[in-house]
């Protein structure tokens, strides 16, 4: 397996940005976990011309396990990474050097993490996206993450409803 210590190095003039959001669903943690770890969840729901791909090597048993490569690409973006730690209730995707949004000069994704936790009425899903961002567009990036990820909960609930 590929060992990554520095998967997306931070340029000196970039700032750390961390976006974290919680979502809730009435579905069981097991159902949510299965949905989050199914490549079809991400490959079959993309708006053209964007696409998500998973590439496993011969030693991998499934399309979604530690060490499998992943890329989400389209105009003005390339988020390429490798699935890191996957254990009950936690999943990690580490983005590789060369990944960017809009331009390598402005925004470089570093890591995407998901946590699931049973709650009183279903499941809480926590998402965290860590990026490196230049100072001049830090505020724009922060605002746009709220807008983009704000739809995730509705999409998750619609998707989970279709599965049952």
C-alpha atoms as a PDB file:
ATOM      1  CA  UNK A   1       0.000   0.000   0.000  1.00  0.00           C
ATOM      2  CA  UNK A   2       1.130   3.519  -0.746  1.00  0.00           C
ATOM      3  CA  UNK A   3       2.266   5.300   2.426  1.00  0.00           C
ATOM      4  CA  UNK A   4       1.603   9.022   2.354  1.00  0.00           C
ATOM      5  CA  UNK A   5       3.254  11.299   4.832  1.00  0.00           C
ATOM      6  CA  UNK A   6       3.017  14.502   2.796  1.00  0.00           C
ATOM      7  CA  UNK A   7       0.193  14.023   0.348  1.00  0.00           C
ATOM      8  CA  UNK A   8      -0.532  17.705  -0.381  1.00  0.00           C
ATOM      9  CA  UNK A   9       2.298  19.924   0.809  1.00  0.00           C
ATOM     10  CA  UNK A  10       1.340  23.407   1.983  1.00  0.00           C
ATOM     11  CA  UNK A  11       2.892  26.335   0.116  1.00  0.00           C
ATOM     12  CA  UNK A  12       4.229  28.987   2.498  1.00  0.00           C
ATOM     13  CA  UNK A  13       1.807  31.717   1.431  1.00  0.00           C
ATOM     14  CA  UNK A  14      -1.338  29.554   1.828  1.00  0.00           C
ATOM     15  CA  UNK A  15      -3.573  29.522   4.913  1.00  0.00           C
ATOM     16  CA  UNK A  16      -5.178  26.467   6.502  1.00  0.00           C
ATOM     17  CA  UNK A  17      -8.947  26.271   6.051  1.00  0.00           C
ATOM     18  CA  UNK A  18     -11.160  23.717   7.757  1.00  0.00           C
ATOM     19  CA  UNK A  19     -14.864  23.395   6.990  1.00  0.00           C
ATOM     20  CA  UNK A  20     -16.904  21.171   9.320  1.00  0.00           C
ATOM     21  CA  UNK A  21     -20.650  20.521   9.192  1.00  0.00           C
ATOM     22  CA  UNK A  22     -23.097  18.092  10.804  1.00  0.00           C
ATOM     23  CA  UNK A  23     -26.060  16.450   9.110  1.00  0.00           C
ATOM     24  CA  UNK A  24     -28.846  14.322  10.542  1.00  0.00           C
ATOM     25  CA  UNK A  25     -30.947  11.504   9.114  1.00  0.00           C
ATOM     26  CA  UNK A  26     -33.554   9.158  10.531  1.00  0.00           C
ATOM     27  CA  UNK A  27     -31.793   6.207   8.863  1.00  0.00           C
ATOM     28  CA  UNK A  28     -29.657   3.794  10.875  1.00  0.00           C
ATOM     29  CA  UNK A  29     -25.925   4.312  11.212  1.00  0.00           C
ATOM     30  CA  UNK A  30     -25.379   1.040   9.343  1.00  0.00           C
ATOM     31  CA  UNK A  31     -27.470   2.250   6.370  1.00  0.00           C
ATOM     32  CA  UNK A  32     -25.649   5.600   6.312  1.00  0.00           C
ATOM     33  CA  UNK A  33     -22.255   3.928   6.611  1.00  0.00           C
ATOM     34  CA  UNK A  34     -23.037   1.581   3.712  1.00  0.00           C
ATOM     35  CA  UNK A  35     -24.159   4.551   1.612  1.00  0.00           C
ATOM     36  CA  UNK A  36     -21.026   6.609   2.424  1.00  0.00           C
ATOM     37  CA  UNK A  37     -18.763   3.701   1.470  1.00  0.00           C
ATOM     38  CA  UNK A  38     -20.432   2.757  -1.792  1.00  0.00           C
ATOM     39  CA  UNK A  39     -18.655   4.183  -4.874  1.00  0.00           C
ATOM     40  CA  UNK A  40     -22.026   4.360  -6.680  1.00  0.00           C
ATOM     41  CA  UNK A  41     -23.142   6.994  -4.171  1.00  0.00           C
ATOM     42  CA  UNK A  42     -20.622   9.356  -5.744  1.00  0.00           C
ATOM     43  CA  UNK A  43     -20.200   8.056  -9.300  1.00  0.00           C
ATOM     44  CA  UNK A  44     -23.877   7.855 -10.278  1.00  0.00           C
ATOM     45  CA  UNK A  45     -24.983  11.242  -9.016  1.00  0.00           C
ATOM     46  CA  UNK A  46     -22.628  13.631 -10.763  1.00  0.00           C
ATOM     47  CA  UNK A  47     -23.783  16.546 -12.858  1.00  0.00           C
ATOM     48  CA  UNK A  48     -22.128  16.565 -16.281  1.00  0.00           C
ATOM     49  CA  UNK A  49     -19.324  17.490 -17.008  1.00  0.00           C
ATOM     50  CA  UNK A  50     -18.097  16.522 -13.524  1.00  0.00           C
ATOM     51  CA  UNK A  51     -17.181  12.939 -12.729  1.00  0.00           C
ATOM     52  CA  UNK A  52     -15.963  10.782  -9.831  1.00  0.00           C
ATOM     53  CA  UNK A  53     -13.777   7.738 -10.450  1.00  0.00           C
ATOM     54  CA  UNK A  54     -12.344   5.024  -8.196  1.00  0.00           C
ATOM     55  CA  UNK A  55      -9.312   2.979  -9.257  1.00  0.00           C
ATOM     56  CA  UNK A  56      -8.233  -0.078  -7.320  1.00  0.00           C
ATOM     57  CA  UNK A  57      -4.992  -1.976  -7.780  1.00  0.00           C
ATOM     58  CA  UNK A  58      -4.724  -5.765  -8.042  1.00  0.00           C
ATOM     59  CA  UNK A  59      -4.224  -6.267  -4.295  1.00  0.00           C
ATOM     60  CA  UNK A  60      -7.487  -4.462  -3.451  1.00  0.00           C
ATOM     61  CA  UNK A  61     -10.561  -6.601  -2.820  1.00  0.00           C
ATOM     62  CA  UNK A  62     -13.187  -3.892  -3.368  1.00  0.00           C
ATOM     63  CA  UNK A  63     -13.551  -0.512  -5.078  1.00  0.00           C
ATOM     64  CA  UNK A  64     -13.786   1.216  -1.721  1.00  0.00           C
ATOM     65  CA  UNK A  65     -11.029   0.399   0.736  1.00  0.00           C
ATOM     66  CA  UNK A  66      -7.835   1.908   2.125  1.00  0.00           C
ATOM     67  CA  UNK A  67      -5.354   2.675  -0.653  1.00  0.00           C
ATOM     68  CA  UNK A  68      -7.891   2.921  -3.489  1.00  0.00           C
ATOM     69  CA  UNK A  69      -7.356   5.986  -5.664  1.00  0.00           C
ATOM     70  CA  UNK A  70     -10.176   8.455  -6.201  1.00  0.00           C
ATOM     71  CA  UNK A  71     -10.615  11.529  -8.353  1.00  0.00           C
ATOM     72  CA  UNK A  72     -13.416  14.061  -8.628  1.00  0.00           C
ATOM     73  CA  UNK A  73     -12.774  16.138 -11.723  1.00  0.00           C
ATOM     74  CA  UNK A  74     -14.325  18.554 -14.151  1.00  0.00           C
ATOM     75  CA  UNK A  75     -13.860  22.118 -15.363  1.00  0.00           C
ATOM     76  CA  UNK A  76     -11.697  24.148 -12.985  1.00  0.00           C
ATOM     77  CA  UNK A  77     -11.187  21.308 -10.502  1.00  0.00           C
ATOM     78  CA  UNK A  78      -9.262  18.147  -9.896  1.00  0.00           C
ATOM     79  CA  UNK A  79      -9.609  16.552  -6.460  1.00  0.00           C
ATOM     80  CA  UNK A  80      -7.430  13.436  -6.724  1.00  0.00           C
ATOM     81  CA  UNK A  81      -6.641  11.393  -3.662  1.00  0.00           C
ATOM     82  CA  UNK A  82      -6.312   8.061  -1.986  1.00  0.00           C
ATOM     83  CA  UNK A  83      -8.665   6.547   0.562  1.00  0.00           C
ATOM     84  CA  UNK A  84      -6.957   6.554   3.933  1.00  0.00           C
ATOM     85  CA  UNK A  85      -8.190   5.049   7.160  1.00  0.00           C
ATOM     86  CA  UNK A  86     -11.617   3.410   7.016  1.00  0.00           C
ATOM     87  CA  UNK A  87     -13.009   2.006  10.238  1.00  0.00           C
ATOM     88  CA  UNK A  88     -16.437   1.792  11.835  1.00  0.00           C
ATOM     89  CA  UNK A  89     -17.823   5.310  11.955  1.00  0.00           C
ATOM     90  CA  UNK A  90     -14.819   7.054  10.321  1.00  0.00           C
ATOM     91  CA  UNK A  91     -13.539   7.509   6.791  1.00  0.00           C
ATOM     92  CA  UNK A  92     -10.596   9.524   5.468  1.00  0.00           C
ATOM     93  CA  UNK A  93      -9.666  10.670   1.937  1.00  0.00           C
ATOM     94  CA  UNK A  94      -6.249  12.269   1.517  1.00  0.00           C
ATOM     95  CA  UNK A  95      -5.850  14.520  -1.495  1.00  0.00           C
ATOM     96  CA  UNK A  96      -2.638  14.371  -3.498  1.00  0.00           C
ATOM     97  CA  UNK A  97      -0.257  17.039  -4.707  1.00  0.00           C
ATOM     98  CA  UNK A  98      -1.671  18.569  -7.881  1.00  0.00           C
ATOM     99  CA  UNK A  99      -5.260  18.632  -6.640  1.00  0.00           C
ATOM    100  CA  UNK A 100      -6.902  22.028  -6.903  1.00  0.00           C
ATOM    101  CA  UNK A 101     -10.107  24.033  -7.230  1.00  0.00           C
ATOM    102  CA  UNK A 102     -10.193  26.951  -9.710  1.00  0.00           C
ATOM    103  CA  UNK A 103      -6.372  27.133  -9.805  1.00  0.00           C
ATOM    104  CA  UNK A 104      -3.328  25.585  -8.110  1.00  0.00           C
ATOM    105  CA  UNK A 105      -2.502  29.179  -7.193  1.00  0.00           C
ATOM    106  CA  UNK A 106      -5.628  29.570  -5.048  1.00  0.00           C
ATOM    107  CA  UNK A 107      -7.170  26.456  -3.493  1.00  0.00           C
ATOM    108  CA  UNK A 108      -5.658  23.037  -2.804  1.00  0.00           C
ATOM    109  CA  UNK A 109      -7.726  20.358  -1.044  1.00  0.00           C
ATOM    110  CA  UNK A 110      -5.891  18.439   1.633  1.00  0.00           C
ATOM    111  CA  UNK A 111      -8.284  15.998   3.309  1.00  0.00           C
ATOM    112  CA  UNK A 112     -11.949  14.969   3.452  1.00  0.00           C
ATOM    113  CA  UNK A 113     -13.212  13.117   6.527  1.00  0.00           C
ATOM    114  CA  UNK A 114     -16.587  11.660   7.485  1.00  0.00           C
ATOM    115  CA  UNK A 115     -17.779  10.445  10.882  1.00  0.00           C
ATOM    116  CA  UNK A 116     -21.059   8.681  11.635  1.00  0.00           C
ATOM    117  CA  UNK A 117     -22.639   8.371  15.049  1.00  0.00           C
ATOM    118  CA  UNK A 118     -25.958   6.943  16.207  1.00  0.00           C
ATOM    119  CA  UNK A 119     -28.217   9.631  17.597  1.00  0.00           C
ATOM    120  CA  UNK A 120     -31.571   9.602  19.356  1.00  0.00           C
ATOM    121  CA  UNK A 121     -33.622   9.629  16.160  1.00  0.00           C
ATOM    122  CA  UNK A 122     -31.200   8.117  13.645  1.00  0.00           C
ATOM    123  CA  UNK A 123     -27.676   9.075  12.663  1.00  0.00           C
ATOM    124  CA  UNK A 124     -25.464  12.144  12.831  1.00  0.00           C
ATOM    125  CA  UNK A 125     -22.976  12.526   9.957  1.00  0.00           C
ATOM    126  CA  UNK A 126     -20.066  14.916  10.402  1.00  0.00           C
ATOM    127  CA  UNK A 127     -18.060  16.077   7.415  1.00  0.00           C
ATOM    128  CA  UNK A 128     -14.769  17.965   7.480  1.00  0.00           C
ATOM    129  CA  UNK A 129     -12.909  19.294   4.440  1.00  0.00           C
ATOM    130  CA  UNK A 130      -9.417  20.684   5.042  1.00  0.00           C
ATOM    131  CA  UNK A 131      -7.840  22.846   2.341  1.00  0.00           C
ATOM    132  CA  UNK A 132      -5.008  25.267   1.770  1.00  0.00           C
ATOM    133  CA  UNK A 133      -6.247  28.627   0.491  1.00  0.00           C
ATOM    134  CA  UNK A 134      -4.575  31.894  -0.451  1.00  0.00           C
ATOM    135  CA  UNK A 135      -5.475  34.871   1.724  1.00  0.00           C
ATOM    136  CA  UNK A 136      -7.189  36.847  -1.028  1.00  0.00           C
ATOM    137  CA  UNK A 137     -10.001  34.327  -1.524  1.00  0.00           C
ATOM    138  CA  UNK A 138     -10.205  32.808   1.963  1.00  0.00           C
ATOM    139  CA  UNK A 139     -13.550  34.479   2.686  1.00  0.00           C
ATOM    140  CA  UNK A 140     -14.999  33.439  -0.672  1.00  0.00           C
ATOM    141  CA  UNK A 141     -13.886  29.835  -0.081  1.00  0.00           C
ATOM    142  CA  UNK A 142     -15.430  29.771   3.386  1.00  0.00           C
ATOM    143  CA  UNK A 143     -18.733  31.148   2.065  1.00  0.00           C
ATOM    144  CA  UNK A 144     -18.806  28.776  -0.919  1.00  0.00           C
ATOM    145  CA  UNK A 145     -18.245  25.714   1.294  1.00  0.00           C
ATOM    146  CA  UNK A 146     -21.342  26.577   3.307  1.00  0.00           C
ATOM    147  CA  UNK A 147     -23.312  26.913   0.087  1.00  0.00           C
ATOM    148  CA  UNK A 148     -21.978  23.721  -1.527  1.00  0.00           C
ATOM    149  CA  UNK A 149     -22.144  21.410   1.492  1.00  0.00           C
ATOM    150  CA  UNK A 150     -25.458  22.883   2.638  1.00  0.00           C
ATOM    151  CA  UNK A 151     -27.160  20.627   0.056  1.00  0.00           C
ATOM    152  CA  UNK A 152     -25.435  17.455   1.246  1.00  0.00           C
ATOM    153  CA  UNK A 153     -27.970  16.614   3.959  1.00  0.00           C
ATOM    154  CA  UNK A 154     -30.945  16.829   1.601  1.00  0.00           C
ATOM    155  CA  UNK A 155     -29.132  14.763  -1.026  1.00  0.00           C
ATOM    156  CA  UNK A 156     -28.123  12.174   1.585  1.00  0.00           C
ATOM    157  CA  UNK A 157     -31.704  11.804   2.839  1.00  0.00           C
ATOM    158  CA  UNK A 158     -33.176  11.537  -0.685  1.00  0.00           C
ATOM    159  CA  UNK A 159     -30.518   9.000  -1.670  1.00  0.00           C
ATOM    160  CA  UNK A 160     -30.988   6.888   1.447  1.00  0.00           C
ATOM    161  CA  UNK A 161     -34.772   6.923   0.979  1.00  0.00           C
ATOM    162  CA  UNK A 162     -34.378   5.515  -2.569  1.00  0.00           C
ATOM    163  CA  UNK A 163     -32.233   2.639  -1.262  1.00  0.00           C
ATOM    164  CA  UNK A 164     -34.957   1.251   1.008  1.00  0.00           C
END
